[in-house]
Amino acid sequence: MEKTVSDFIQDSNLQKKRCEPMGKLERSILHDVAEVAGLASFSFGEDKESRYVMLFKKEFAPSDEELEAYRKAEERRRRKERAALETEEASRSQKRPASPNSNYRDKYSHLIGTSAAKDAAHTLQDRTIFENLESEGAKKSKY
């Protein structure tokens, strides 16, 4: 940590440096190192593990408005993440129209056959002759 702080101090082009998210102990050590080195340091973030430290050179220390802007930027980022999660969940929960994966005739063509039903439909005959005979036989048995 001391090396990153000293590199930041020696680099005249940088006015601020954002460190990686770290735990509470590491952040407190970094704040102490920055204070000894004469830098201003502020922590931003919400969770214990997602909080990070921003280092500022004393000449370019942020004003209260800038600090509030950094905090609001965190809030905006969290709102955007929540909105993205909500839209993703909404798109998942939308019901899609039910459509079969395949045609059942194609699936069971090995059992049904493809031309047998068409041939059977052409060979059907009119049953009026048989119906008349059956009805006459039924009349005779009743009497």
Protein backbone atom coordinates (compact mmCIF):
# COMPACT_ATOMS: atom_id res chain seq x y z
CA MET A 1 0.00 0.00 0.00
CA GLU A 2 2.81 2.37 0.81
CA LYS A 3 4.25 1.79 -2.65
CA THR A 4 0.98 2.67 -4.39
CA VAL A 5 0.68 5.83 -2.26
CA SER A 6 4.28 6.87 -2.99
CA ASP A 7 3.78 6.20 -6.72
CA PHE A 8 0.66 8.37 -6.64
CA ILE A 9 2.52 11.20 -4.88
CA GLN A 10 5.40 11.11 -7.37
CA ASP A 11 3.14 11.09 -10.45
CA SER A 12 2.50 14.79 -11.11
CA ASN A 13 -0.19 14.09 -13.74
CA LEU A 14 -2.60 12.44 -11.31
CA GLN A 15 -4.82 14.51 -9.04
CA LYS A 16 -6.81 11.62 -7.59
CA LYS A 17 -6.53 7.85 -7.42
CA ARG A 18 -9.24 5.29 -6.87
CA CYS A 19 -8.09 2.19 -5.01
CA GLU A 20 -9.62 -1.24 -5.35
CA PRO A 21 -12.45 -2.29 -2.99
CA MET A 22 -11.08 -3.69 0.26
CA GLY A 23 -12.01 -4.68 3.77
CA LYS A 24 -12.31 -2.42 6.79
CA LEU A 25 -8.82 -3.14 8.16
CA GLU A 26 -7.10 -2.47 4.83
CA ARG A 27 -9.07 0.76 4.38
CA SER A 28 -8.08 2.01 7.83
CA ILE A 29 -4.41 1.22 7.13
CA LEU A 30 -4.64 3.04 3.79
CA HIS A 31 -6.23 6.08 5.47
CA ASP A 32 -3.37 6.16 8.01
CA VAL A 33 -0.72 5.84 5.28
CA ALA A 34 -2.40 8.61 3.27
CA GLU A 35 -2.58 10.89 6.32
CA VAL A 36 1.12 10.39 7.06
CA ALA A 37 1.93 11.09 3.39
CA GLY A 38 -0.11 14.30 3.44
CA LEU A 39 -2.98 13.12 1.23
CA ALA A 40 -6.71 13.45 1.67
CA SER A 41 -8.54 10.12 1.62
CA PHE A 42 -12.24 9.30 1.55
CA SER A 43 -14.13 6.01 1.50
CA PHE A 44 -17.09 5.43 -0.81
CA GLY A 45 -19.38 2.48 -1.35
CA GLU A 46 -22.17 0.69 0.47
CA ASP A 47 -21.15 -2.80 1.58
CA LYS A 48 -18.23 -3.56 3.85
CA GLU A 49 -16.41 -5.43 1.10
CA SER A 50 -17.36 -3.16 -1.83
CA ARG A 51 -16.17 0.07 -0.21
CA TYR A 52 -13.15 1.67 -1.80
CA VAL A 53 -10.80 4.55 -0.95
CA MET A 54 -10.21 7.62 -3.11
CA LEU A 55 -6.92 9.41 -2.56
CA PHE A 56 -6.61 13.12 -3.36
CA LYS A 57 -3.53 15.32 -3.31
CA LYS A 58 -3.83 18.18 -0.80
CA GLU A 59 -3.65 20.77 -3.59
CA PHE A 60 -6.62 19.14 -5.34
CA ALA A 61 -8.70 18.18 -2.31
CA PRO A 62 -12.40 17.85 -3.21
CA SER A 63 -14.97 20.32 -1.97
CA ASP A 64 -18.06 19.26 -0.06
CA GLU A 65 -20.10 19.45 -3.28
CA GLU A 66 -17.67 17.14 -5.06
CA LEU A 67 -17.78 14.65 -2.20
CA GLU A 68 -21.58 14.71 -2.30
CA ALA A 69 -21.42 14.17 -6.06
CA TYR A 70 -19.24 11.08 -5.54
CA ARG A 71 -21.73 9.73 -3.00
CA LYS A 72 -24.68 10.44 -5.30
CA ALA A 73 -22.86 8.77 -8.17
CA GLU A 74 -22.73 5.64 -6.02
CA GLU A 75 -26.46 5.92 -5.39
CA ARG A 76 -27.15 6.39 -9.11
CA ARG A 77 -25.01 3.38 -9.96
CA ARG A 78 -26.92 1.25 -7.43
CA ARG A 79 -30.26 2.44 -8.84
CA LYS A 80 -29.13 1.56 -12.36
CA GLU A 81 -28.06 -1.90 -11.24
CA ARG A 82 -31.40 -2.47 -9.50
CA ALA A 83 -33.32 -1.28 -12.57
CA ALA A 84 -31.27 -3.58 -14.79
CA LEU A 85 -31.99 -6.52 -12.49
CA GLU A 86 -35.71 -5.71 -12.44
CA THR A 87 -35.92 -5.51 -16.23
CA GLU A 88 -34.01 -8.77 -16.54
CA GLU A 89 -36.37 -10.50 -14.10
CA ALA A 90 -39.39 -9.05 -15.91
CA SER A 91 -38.14 -10.35 -19.24
CA ARG A 92 -37.61 -13.79 -17.72
CA SER A 93 -41.04 -13.90 -16.14
CA GLN A 94 -42.93 -12.91 -19.30
CA LYS A 95 -44.91 -15.83 -20.62
CA ARG A 96 -43.99 -16.90 -24.09
CA PRO A 97 -46.68 -18.26 -26.37
CA ALA A 98 -46.87 -22.02 -26.15
CA SER A 99 -45.67 -23.71 -29.27
CA PRO A 100 -44.88 -27.39 -29.67
CA ASN A 101 -41.30 -28.37 -30.22
CA SER A 102 -42.24 -30.58 -33.14
CA ASN A 103 -45.19 -31.86 -35.08
CA TYR A 104 -46.61 -35.02 -33.49
CA ARG A 105 -47.18 -36.58 -36.93
CA ASP A 106 -43.50 -36.27 -37.69
CA LYS A 107 -42.60 -37.57 -34.26
CA TYR A 108 -44.78 -40.68 -34.50
CA SER A 109 -44.57 -41.27 -38.25
CA HIS A 110 -42.78 -44.56 -37.63
CA LEU A 111 -45.88 -45.77 -35.74
CA ILE A 112 -48.64 -44.12 -37.73
CA GLY A 113 -47.16 -44.31 -41.17
CA THR A 114 -47.30 -41.58 -43.74
CA SER A 115 -49.49 -42.89 -46.52
CA ALA A 116 -51.60 -45.58 -44.80
CA ALA A 117 -54.21 -43.14 -43.51
CA LYS A 118 -54.61 -41.49 -46.91
CA ASP A 119 -55.05 -44.83 -48.63
CA ALA A 120 -57.58 -45.97 -46.02
CA ALA A 121 -59.60 -42.79 -46.47
CA HIS A 122 -59.94 -43.45 -50.21
CA THR A 123 -61.09 -47.03 -49.78
CA LEU A 124 -64.01 -46.21 -47.47
CA GLN A 125 -67.38 -47.20 -48.88
CA ASP A 126 -70.85 -46.00 -48.28
CA ARG A 127 -72.44 -48.03 -45.46
CA THR A 128 -76.04 -47.27 -46.34
CA ILE A 129 -76.52 -50.80 -47.66
CA PHE A 130 -75.38 -52.37 -44.40
CA GLU A 131 -77.35 -49.94 -42.25
CA ASN A 132 -80.58 -50.91 -44.02
CA LEU A 133 -79.92 -54.60 -43.48
CA GLU A 134 -79.11 -54.12 -39.82
CA SER A 135 -82.25 -52.12 -39.21
CA GLU A 136 -84.43 -54.75 -40.95
CA GLY A 137 -82.84 -57.50 -38.83
CA ALA A 138 -83.50 -55.51 -35.70
CA LYS A 139 -87.15 -55.06 -36.63
CA LYS A 140 -87.62 -58.79 -37.17
CA SER A 141 -86.11 -59.70 -33.82
CA LYS A 142 -88.41 -57.32 -31.95
CA TYR A 143 -91.59 -58.89 -33.32
